[in-house]
């Protein structure tokens, strides 16, 4: 059964490029309500912990380095069918394959610097949201 919350991060490349406001506007236009949000800077240790599922993959070190290279904006979003609808809104991981008008088509530079993270399942949305936010930080 689909839940009504998902987790996202605006990645360091998009924050550095000044695209935070425009990306948040696309989320609002997509019908998402922000339940929790904060700007933070992941340490290499925290980025490694967050992406531990990819630890055995060849890109893990580069991913951790990138995600700890600058501030991110973490958020929990709410909407009916949130995970699936948000994955549609952000577009394909490779911006060259992303549908026109999606966040990645508009703001991503490459597969590695693809502007936003979006939870890929209801279970991961919950785990990822709880990684970044205490219950008292969700409204």
C-alpha atoms as a PDB file:
ATOM      1  CA  UNK A   1       0.000   0.000   0.000  1.00  0.00           C
ATOM      2  CA  UNK A   2       1.390   3.399  -0.968  1.00  0.00           C
ATOM      3  CA  UNK A   3       1.970   5.978   1.720  1.00  0.00           C
ATOM      4  CA  UNK A   4       1.590   9.693   1.438  1.00  0.00           C
ATOM      5  CA  UNK A   5       5.151  10.737   2.375  1.00  0.00           C
ATOM      6  CA  UNK A   6       8.479  10.632   0.608  1.00  0.00           C
ATOM      7  CA  UNK A   7      11.993  11.861   1.284  1.00  0.00           C
ATOM      8  CA  UNK A   8      14.184  14.061  -0.898  1.00  0.00           C
ATOM      9  CA  UNK A   9      17.484  15.874  -0.788  1.00  0.00           C
ATOM     10  CA  UNK A  10      18.474  18.760  -2.993  1.00  0.00           C
ATOM     11  CA  UNK A  11      22.079  17.778  -3.667  1.00  0.00           C
ATOM     12  CA  UNK A  12      25.215  19.922  -3.296  1.00  0.00           C
ATOM     13  CA  UNK A  13      25.433  20.697  -7.033  1.00  0.00           C
ATOM     14  CA  UNK A  14      21.939  22.188  -7.151  1.00  0.00           C
ATOM     15  CA  UNK A  15      22.361  24.079  -3.867  1.00  0.00           C
ATOM     16  CA  UNK A  16      25.680  25.536  -5.072  1.00  0.00           C
ATOM     17  CA  UNK A  17      24.112  26.541  -8.402  1.00  0.00           C
ATOM     18  CA  UNK A  18      21.384  28.489  -6.566  1.00  0.00           C
ATOM     19  CA  UNK A  19      18.554  26.228  -7.723  1.00  0.00           C
ATOM     20  CA  UNK A  20      17.040  25.432  -4.314  1.00  0.00           C
ATOM     21  CA  UNK A  21      14.140  27.866  -4.629  1.00  0.00           C
ATOM     22  CA  UNK A  22      13.266  26.827  -8.173  1.00  0.00           C
ATOM     23  CA  UNK A  23      13.380  23.129  -7.232  1.00  0.00           C
ATOM     24  CA  UNK A  24      11.174  23.725  -4.179  1.00  0.00           C
ATOM     25  CA  UNK A  25       8.747  25.617  -6.425  1.00  0.00           C
ATOM     26  CA  UNK A  26       8.553  22.593  -8.781  1.00  0.00           C
ATOM     27  CA  UNK A  27       7.740  20.409  -5.764  1.00  0.00           C
ATOM     28  CA  UNK A  28       4.958  22.785  -4.720  1.00  0.00           C
ATOM     29  CA  UNK A  29       3.647  22.952  -8.292  1.00  0.00           C
ATOM     30  CA  UNK A  30       3.614  19.138  -8.268  1.00  0.00           C
ATOM     31  CA  UNK A  31       1.192  19.196  -5.349  1.00  0.00           C
ATOM     32  CA  UNK A  32       3.654  18.254  -2.609  1.00  0.00           C
ATOM     33  CA  UNK A  33       3.420  19.748   0.872  1.00  0.00           C
ATOM     34  CA  UNK A  34       6.663  20.140   2.833  1.00  0.00           C
ATOM     35  CA  UNK A  35       6.347  18.273   6.139  1.00  0.00           C
ATOM     36  CA  UNK A  36       9.958  18.844   7.251  1.00  0.00           C
ATOM     37  CA  UNK A  37      12.924  20.684   5.721  1.00  0.00           C
ATOM     38  CA  UNK A  38      16.417  21.757   6.676  1.00  0.00           C
ATOM     39  CA  UNK A  39      19.633  22.876   5.097  1.00  0.00           C
ATOM     40  CA  UNK A  40      22.589  20.920   6.424  1.00  0.00           C
ATOM     41  CA  UNK A  41      26.056  19.744   5.490  1.00  0.00           C
ATOM     42  CA  UNK A  42      26.625  15.993   5.644  1.00  0.00           C
ATOM     43  CA  UNK A  43      29.971  14.874   6.996  1.00  0.00           C
ATOM     44  CA  UNK A  44      31.685  12.115   5.017  1.00  0.00           C
ATOM     45  CA  UNK A  45      30.718   9.739   7.836  1.00  0.00           C
ATOM     46  CA  UNK A  46      27.020  10.705   7.715  1.00  0.00           C
ATOM     47  CA  UNK A  47      26.955  10.581   3.907  1.00  0.00           C
ATOM     48  CA  UNK A  48      28.575   7.134   4.069  1.00  0.00           C
ATOM     49  CA  UNK A  49      26.011   5.985   6.607  1.00  0.00           C
ATOM     50  CA  UNK A  50      23.128   7.301   4.508  1.00  0.00           C
ATOM     51  CA  UNK A  51      24.403   5.556   1.353  1.00  0.00           C
ATOM     52  CA  UNK A  52      25.621   2.392   3.135  1.00  0.00           C
ATOM     53  CA  UNK A  53      23.371   0.306   0.874  1.00  0.00           C
ATOM     54  CA  UNK A  54      25.791   1.172  -1.974  1.00  0.00           C
ATOM     55  CA  UNK A  55      28.989   0.438  -0.010  1.00  0.00           C
ATOM     56  CA  UNK A  56      30.060  -2.437  -2.279  1.00  0.00           C
ATOM     57  CA  UNK A  57      29.390  -0.525  -5.484  1.00  0.00           C
ATOM     58  CA  UNK A  58      32.300   1.046  -7.390  1.00  0.00           C
ATOM     59  CA  UNK A  59      30.780   4.550  -7.221  1.00  0.00           C
ATOM     60  CA  UNK A  60      30.315   4.557  -3.413  1.00  0.00           C
ATOM     61  CA  UNK A  61      33.452   6.578  -2.555  1.00  0.00           C
ATOM     62  CA  UNK A  62      32.732   9.180  -5.220  1.00  0.00           C
ATOM     63  CA  UNK A  63      29.095   9.401  -4.071  1.00  0.00           C
ATOM     64  CA  UNK A  64      30.081   9.956  -0.430  1.00  0.00           C
ATOM     65  CA  UNK A  65      32.664  12.559  -1.447  1.00  0.00           C
ATOM     66  CA  UNK A  66      30.126  14.402  -3.604  1.00  0.00           C
ATOM     67  CA  UNK A  67      27.321  14.314  -1.038  1.00  0.00           C
ATOM     68  CA  UNK A  68      29.628  15.710   1.657  1.00  0.00           C
ATOM     69  CA  UNK A  69      31.129  18.372  -0.639  1.00  0.00           C
ATOM     70  CA  UNK A  70      28.643  21.101   0.267  1.00  0.00           C
ATOM     71  CA  UNK A  71      25.281  21.850   1.855  1.00  0.00           C
ATOM     72  CA  UNK A  72      22.163  19.883   0.989  1.00  0.00           C
ATOM     73  CA  UNK A  73      18.489  20.574   1.632  1.00  0.00           C
ATOM     74  CA  UNK A  74      16.725  17.551   3.122  1.00  0.00           C
ATOM     75  CA  UNK A  75      12.938  17.398   3.082  1.00  0.00           C
ATOM     76  CA  UNK A  76       9.985  15.153   3.745  1.00  0.00           C
ATOM     77  CA  UNK A  77       7.143  15.711   1.311  1.00  0.00           C
ATOM     78  CA  UNK A  78       3.497  14.742   1.561  1.00  0.00           C
ATOM     79  CA  UNK A  79       0.991  13.934  -1.174  1.00  0.00           C
ATOM     80  CA  UNK A  80      -1.178  10.987  -2.146  1.00  0.00           C
ATOM     81  CA  UNK A  81       1.056   8.375  -3.821  1.00  0.00           C
ATOM     82  CA  UNK A  82       4.072  10.487  -2.824  1.00  0.00           C
ATOM     83  CA  UNK A  83       6.968   8.163  -3.705  1.00  0.00           C
ATOM     84  CA  UNK A  84       5.783   7.271  -7.200  1.00  0.00           C
ATOM     85  CA  UNK A  85       4.601  10.791  -8.031  1.00  0.00           C
ATOM     86  CA  UNK A  86       7.864  12.322  -6.822  1.00  0.00           C
ATOM     87  CA  UNK A  87       9.943   9.879  -8.867  1.00  0.00           C
ATOM     88  CA  UNK A  88       7.971  11.032 -11.932  1.00  0.00           C
ATOM     89  CA  UNK A  89       8.530  14.693 -11.014  1.00  0.00           C
ATOM     90  CA  UNK A  90      12.299  14.335 -10.659  1.00  0.00           C
ATOM     91  CA  UNK A  91      12.817  12.286 -13.826  1.00  0.00           C
ATOM     92  CA  UNK A  92      15.414   9.699 -14.803  1.00  0.00           C
ATOM     93  CA  UNK A  93      18.744   9.527 -12.963  1.00  0.00           C
ATOM     94  CA  UNK A  94      20.523  10.442 -16.182  1.00  0.00           C
ATOM     95  CA  UNK A  95      19.296  13.944 -17.061  1.00  0.00           C
ATOM     96  CA  UNK A  96      19.764  13.126 -20.757  1.00  0.00           C
ATOM     97  CA  UNK A  97      16.997  10.532 -20.327  1.00  0.00           C
ATOM     98  CA  UNK A  98      14.775  12.667 -18.089  1.00  0.00           C
ATOM     99  CA  UNK A  99      11.445  13.807 -19.500  1.00  0.00           C
ATOM    100  CA  UNK A 100      11.184  17.491 -20.390  1.00  0.00           C
ATOM    101  CA  UNK A 101      10.040  19.652 -17.478  1.00  0.00           C
ATOM    102  CA  UNK A 102      11.238  17.218 -14.798  1.00  0.00           C
ATOM    103  CA  UNK A 103      13.557  18.495 -12.083  1.00  0.00           C
ATOM    104  CA  UNK A 104      16.554  16.579 -13.413  1.00  0.00           C
ATOM    105  CA  UNK A 105      15.914  17.658 -17.011  1.00  0.00           C
ATOM    106  CA  UNK A 106      15.883  21.267 -15.825  1.00  0.00           C
ATOM    107  CA  UNK A 107      18.604  21.321 -13.157  1.00  0.00           C
ATOM    108  CA  UNK A 108      20.892  18.244 -13.316  1.00  0.00           C
ATOM    109  CA  UNK A 109      24.346  18.383 -14.884  1.00  0.00           C
ATOM    110  CA  UNK A 110      25.113  14.666 -15.173  1.00  0.00           C
ATOM    111  CA  UNK A 111      24.277  11.220 -13.776  1.00  0.00           C
ATOM    112  CA  UNK A 112      26.530  11.962 -10.798  1.00  0.00           C
ATOM    113  CA  UNK A 113      25.413  15.556 -10.281  1.00  0.00           C
ATOM    114  CA  UNK A 114      21.718  14.991 -10.790  1.00  0.00           C
ATOM    115  CA  UNK A 115      20.325  17.757  -8.540  1.00  0.00           C
ATOM    116  CA  UNK A 116      18.012  15.723  -6.297  1.00  0.00           C
ATOM    117  CA  UNK A 117      17.636  12.450  -4.463  1.00  0.00           C
ATOM    118  CA  UNK A 118      14.230  10.818  -4.234  1.00  0.00           C
ATOM    119  CA  UNK A 119      13.331   7.801  -2.127  1.00  0.00           C
ATOM    120  CA  UNK A 120      12.689   4.742  -4.288  1.00  0.00           C
ATOM    121  CA  UNK A 121      10.115   3.010  -2.066  1.00  0.00           C
ATOM    122  CA  UNK A 122       7.738   3.728   0.786  1.00  0.00           C
ATOM    123  CA  UNK A 123       9.999   1.769   3.147  1.00  0.00           C
ATOM    124  CA  UNK A 124      13.103   3.735   2.138  1.00  0.00           C
ATOM    125  CA  UNK A 125      11.215   7.037   2.319  1.00  0.00           C
ATOM    126  CA  UNK A 126      10.454   6.282   5.961  1.00  0.00           C
ATOM    127  CA  UNK A 127      14.017   5.141   6.753  1.00  0.00           C
ATOM    128  CA  UNK A 128      15.600   8.103   4.973  1.00  0.00           C
ATOM    129  CA  UNK A 129      13.225  10.647   6.514  1.00  0.00           C
ATOM    130  CA  UNK A 130      13.919   9.284   9.992  1.00  0.00           C
ATOM    131  CA  UNK A 131      17.672   9.436   9.284  1.00  0.00           C
ATOM    132  CA  UNK A 132      17.477  13.206   8.816  1.00  0.00           C
ATOM    133  CA  UNK A 133      14.559  14.260  11.027  1.00  0.00           C
ATOM    134  CA  UNK A 134      13.276  13.650  14.542  1.00  0.00           C
ATOM    135  CA  UNK A 135       9.521  13.258  14.946  1.00  0.00           C
ATOM    136  CA  UNK A 136       9.400  16.721  16.542  1.00  0.00           C
ATOM    137  CA  UNK A 137      10.757  18.224  13.299  1.00  0.00           C
ATOM    138  CA  UNK A 138       7.871  16.998  11.113  1.00  0.00           C
ATOM    139  CA  UNK A 139       4.761  19.138  10.791  1.00  0.00           C
END
